[in-house]
Amino acid sequence: MIRLIPATHTPLFPKVIDAMFRCRAQTFSERLGWEMVVRDGYERDRFDDENPLYLVSVDPRSGEYRGSLRLLPTTGPNMLRDVFPVLLDDEEVIESATIWECSRICAVGKDRQSERAKGGVNNVLAELLVGIGDVARLAGLTQIVAVFDARIFRILEAAGCKPEILGTPRRIDGTMSYAGLFDMNEAFQQSVRNGLGIEGSVLATDAEALIAA
């Protein structure tokens, strides 16, 4: 199950938010070796101060954290524009109220997950990918943009996601990196659901009210 947690609501969910920032540190700094600031076991950056919307996968019975990602409108500060502009062609700009950026997608280790989704994709990541589409539908988004590495690119392909690659992929800090634009139309979302074998909404029941707010 996916909980939608606006940054302004994070004090209401201290346990899962604590787990999210710790999972980010373990995933990106410890496991993948990315150069980033980690303090007291937390990975938190300046974009977490820009009122993002967090999609947090939790166990539907225990409420325990399983994975998460972050969404930000491209009309304000975002990672592609402000950290990875080198991935875009000269004068290329991604900025629209209906285009949001996805970043910091991560999940707990395999020993804390159930079976994998169709196509061999990590079950939690599969739920998060479908959750993006559900949020896009509720928020009236037309596209999602993201910066991702070759590892995530393979997961996207296995899930039936076929992004438009922007600019020229480049090796950043030893990792091949891409900027991709995903159309959030019905055909794309159904393709992802079919690729992952997931039917129905994965969002918690209060999701629509949170988006409207």
Foldseek 3Di string as FASTA:
>chain_A
DKEKAWLVRCVVPVQQVVVAQLQLCCPVCVPVNDDADADPSGGDDPVSVVGWIKIFDADPPPRHTFWIKTKAALQDDDCCVPPNVVQADPPDGDHDRQEIEIDSTGGDDPVPADAAFALRARNVVLLVVLQVLVLSVLLVHFKYKYKDFPVVVVNCVLLQFDFDWHHDFDQDPNTTMTITMGTSDPVRSVSSCVSGVDDDRSYDPCSNVVSVD
